[in-house]
Amino acid sequence: MNGKKKGKPYFPNNWEEYKDLDDSHFIPHTFEEIMAWKVGGWELPSSVRCIIRVTDLKTRKVTEHVYSRHSAAQAKVNQLIETPDIEFVVADHEEIHYVTQVNEN
């Protein structure tokens, strides 16, 4: 062996430079701007068909599933519809759908 470590190379970052900057160097944003940019303007990579985020209503644990094929995502949605005590969100390139159970009391 040549004595060199294998693995990812180290890329230094400059976080201290940003931490030490005065607030005047940053542009303030409103809540509405952030919502429009990050929530209203979501983008998925072209290799991703959709993302399904499932919340267990009892434990509040969240799991996320990423699909590149429509058929696999549809099969997961079909399974989730039959699963009690969960809610889920499906996000694709055009829309976001929130699915929850309805209490019939």
C-alpha atoms as a PDB file:
ATOM      1  CA  MET A   1       0.000   0.000   0.000  1.00  0.00           C
ATOM      2  CA  ASN A   2       1.111   3.534  -0.610  1.00  0.00           C
ATOM      3  CA  GLY A   3      -0.002   4.875   2.789  1.00  0.00           C
ATOM      4  CA  LYS A   4      -2.888   6.976   1.453  1.00  0.00           C
ATOM      5  CA  LYS A   5      -6.341   6.649   2.976  1.00  0.00           C
ATOM      6  CA  LYS A   6      -9.126   5.622   0.653  1.00  0.00           C
ATOM      7  CA  GLY A   7     -12.524   7.226   0.755  1.00  0.00           C
ATOM      8  CA  LYS A   8     -14.060  10.546  -0.039  1.00  0.00           C
ATOM      9  CA  PRO A   9     -11.639  13.448  -0.351  1.00  0.00           C
ATOM     10  CA  TYR A  10     -11.918  16.232   2.220  1.00  0.00           C
ATOM     11  CA  PHE A  11     -13.365  19.461   0.877  1.00  0.00           C
ATOM     12  CA  PRO A  12     -12.910  22.339   3.314  1.00  0.00           C
ATOM     13  CA  ASN A  13     -15.853  24.650   3.831  1.00  0.00           C
ATOM     14  CA  ASN A  14     -15.973  28.265   4.875  1.00  0.00           C
ATOM     15  CA  TRP A  15     -18.726  28.183   7.475  1.00  0.00           C
ATOM     16  CA  GLU A  16     -16.762  30.361   9.884  1.00  0.00           C
ATOM     17  CA  GLU A  17     -16.613  33.167   7.317  1.00  0.00           C
ATOM     18  CA  TYR A  18     -20.406  33.135   7.054  1.00  0.00           C
ATOM     19  CA  LYS A  19     -20.909  32.794  10.802  1.00  0.00           C
ATOM     20  CA  ASP A  20     -18.807  35.870  11.467  1.00  0.00           C
ATOM     21  CA  LEU A  21     -20.512  38.093   8.868  1.00  0.00           C
ATOM     22  CA  ASP A  22     -22.730  40.952   9.970  1.00  0.00           C
ATOM     23  CA  ASP A  23     -26.478  40.510   9.304  1.00  0.00           C
ATOM     24  CA  SER A  24     -26.369  43.342   6.758  1.00  0.00           C
ATOM     25  CA  HIS A  25     -24.619  40.978   4.317  1.00  0.00           C
ATOM     26  CA  PHE A  26     -27.703  38.780   4.059  1.00  0.00           C
ATOM     27  CA  ILE A  27     -30.957  39.513   2.247  1.00  0.00           C
ATOM     28  CA  PRO A  28     -33.973  39.130   4.557  1.00  0.00           C
ATOM     29  CA  HIS A  29     -36.868  37.043   3.210  1.00  0.00           C
ATOM     30  CA  THR A  30     -40.493  37.013   4.234  1.00  0.00           C
ATOM     31  CA  PHE A  31     -42.385  33.896   5.215  1.00  0.00           C
ATOM     32  CA  GLU A  32     -44.430  34.181   2.006  1.00  0.00           C
ATOM     33  CA  GLU A  33     -41.268  34.263  -0.140  1.00  0.00           C
ATOM     34  CA  ILE A  34     -39.876  31.151   1.532  1.00  0.00           C
ATOM     35  CA  MET A  35     -43.197  29.289   1.174  1.00  0.00           C
ATOM     36  CA  ALA A  36     -43.471  30.188  -2.508  1.00  0.00           C
ATOM     37  CA  TRP A  37     -39.870  29.192  -3.175  1.00  0.00           C
ATOM     38  CA  LYS A  38     -39.540  25.986  -1.140  1.00  0.00           C
ATOM     39  CA  VAL A  39     -43.109  24.679  -0.962  1.00  0.00           C
ATOM     40  CA  GLY A  40     -44.740  26.063  -4.068  1.00  0.00           C
ATOM     41  CA  GLY A  41     -41.688  25.567  -6.240  1.00  0.00           C
ATOM     42  CA  TRP A  42     -40.666  22.005  -5.415  1.00  0.00           C
ATOM     43  CA  GLU A  43     -38.621  20.098  -7.978  1.00  0.00           C
ATOM     44  CA  LEU A  44     -37.896  16.405  -8.196  1.00  0.00           C
ATOM     45  CA  PRO A  45     -34.931  15.015 -10.127  1.00  0.00           C
ATOM     46  CA  SER A  46     -35.872  13.589 -13.528  1.00  0.00           C
ATOM     47  CA  SER A  47     -34.971  10.087 -12.286  1.00  0.00           C
ATOM     48  CA  VAL A  48     -37.685  10.274  -9.579  1.00  0.00           C
ATOM     49  CA  ARG A  49     -41.310   9.623 -10.528  1.00  0.00           C
ATOM     50  CA  CYS A  50     -42.718  10.439  -7.099  1.00  0.00           C
ATOM     51  CA  ILE A  51     -42.039  10.549  -3.382  1.00  0.00           C
ATOM     52  CA  ILE A  52     -44.441   9.120  -0.808  1.00  0.00           C
ATOM     53  CA  ARG A  53     -44.089  10.286   2.796  1.00  0.00           C
ATOM     54  CA  VAL A  54     -46.015   8.186   5.328  1.00  0.00           C
ATOM     55  CA  THR A  55     -46.803   9.246   8.912  1.00  0.00           C
ATOM     56  CA  ASP A  56     -47.806   6.680  11.518  1.00  0.00           C
ATOM     57  CA  LEU A  57     -50.545   8.444  13.478  1.00  0.00           C
ATOM     58  CA  LYS A  58     -49.839   6.514  16.688  1.00  0.00           C
ATOM     59  CA  THR A  59     -46.049   6.858  16.877  1.00  0.00           C
ATOM     60  CA  ARG A  60     -45.706   9.977  14.645  1.00  0.00           C
ATOM     61  CA  LYS A  61     -42.831   8.172  12.876  1.00  0.00           C
ATOM     62  CA  VAL A  62     -42.334   9.329   9.287  1.00  0.00           C
ATOM     63  CA  THR A  63     -41.018   7.110   6.511  1.00  0.00           C
ATOM     64  CA  GLU A  64     -40.274   8.173   2.970  1.00  0.00           C
ATOM     65  CA  HIS A  65     -40.418   6.087  -0.183  1.00  0.00           C
ATOM     66  CA  VAL A  66     -38.950   7.218  -3.519  1.00  0.00           C
ATOM     67  CA  TYR A  67     -40.087   5.644  -6.791  1.00  0.00           C
ATOM     68  CA  SER A  68     -38.795   5.826 -10.340  1.00  0.00           C
ATOM     69  CA  ARG A  69     -41.630   3.725 -11.803  1.00  0.00           C
ATOM     70  CA  HIS A  70     -45.301   4.692 -11.771  1.00  0.00           C
ATOM     71  CA  SER A  71     -46.441   1.081 -11.313  1.00  0.00           C
ATOM     72  CA  ALA A  72     -44.357   0.613  -8.160  1.00  0.00           C
ATOM     73  CA  ALA A  73     -45.651   3.881  -6.693  1.00  0.00           C
ATOM     74  CA  GLN A  74     -49.249   2.940  -7.507  1.00  0.00           C
ATOM     75  CA  ALA A  75     -48.781  -0.433  -5.803  1.00  0.00           C
ATOM     76  CA  LYS A  76     -47.494   1.336  -2.680  1.00  0.00           C
ATOM     77  CA  VAL A  77     -50.454   3.750  -2.670  1.00  0.00           C
ATOM     78  CA  ASN A  78     -52.854   0.810  -2.991  1.00  0.00           C
ATOM     79  CA  GLN A  79     -51.175  -0.839   0.006  1.00  0.00           C
ATOM     80  CA  LEU A  80     -51.228   2.362   2.073  1.00  0.00           C
ATOM     81  CA  ILE A  81     -54.917   2.986   1.435  1.00  0.00           C
ATOM     82  CA  GLU A  82     -55.663  -0.282   3.231  1.00  0.00           C
ATOM     83  CA  THR A  83     -53.306   0.435   6.147  1.00  0.00           C
ATOM     84  CA  PRO A  84     -54.973   1.749   9.323  1.00  0.00           C
ATOM     85  CA  ASP A  85     -53.676   4.616  11.470  1.00  0.00           C
ATOM     86  CA  ILE A  86     -51.530   6.343   8.858  1.00  0.00           C
ATOM     87  CA  GLU A  87     -51.681   9.351   6.606  1.00  0.00           C
ATOM     88  CA  PHE A  88     -49.495   9.972   3.580  1.00  0.00           C
ATOM     89  CA  VAL A  89     -48.431  12.557   1.038  1.00  0.00           C
ATOM     90  CA  VAL A  90     -47.650  11.783  -2.603  1.00  0.00           C
ATOM     91  CA  ALA A  91     -45.556  14.348  -4.485  1.00  0.00           C
ATOM     92  CA  ASP A  92     -44.860  14.006  -8.204  1.00  0.00           C
ATOM     93  CA  HIS A  93     -43.643  16.493 -10.800  1.00  0.00           C
ATOM     94  CA  GLU A  94     -47.008  18.240 -11.088  1.00  0.00           C
ATOM     95  CA  GLU A  95     -48.936  17.861  -7.831  1.00  0.00           C
ATOM     96  CA  ILE A  96     -48.879  17.095  -4.130  1.00  0.00           C
ATOM     97  CA  HIS A  97     -51.680  14.932  -2.676  1.00  0.00           C
ATOM     98  CA  TYR A  98     -52.452  14.536   1.017  1.00  0.00           C
ATOM     99  CA  VAL A  99     -54.356  11.364   1.931  1.00  0.00           C
ATOM    100  CA  THR A 100     -55.809  10.779   5.392  1.00  0.00           C
ATOM    101  CA  GLN A 101     -58.459   8.561   6.901  1.00  0.00           C
ATOM    102  CA  VAL A 102     -61.937   9.849   7.586  1.00  0.00           C
ATOM    103  CA  ASN A 103     -63.492   9.037  10.953  1.00  0.00           C
ATOM    104  CA  GLU A 104     -67.027   7.777  10.495  1.00  0.00           C
ATOM    105  CA  ASN A 105     -68.414   8.308  13.985  1.00  0.00           C
END
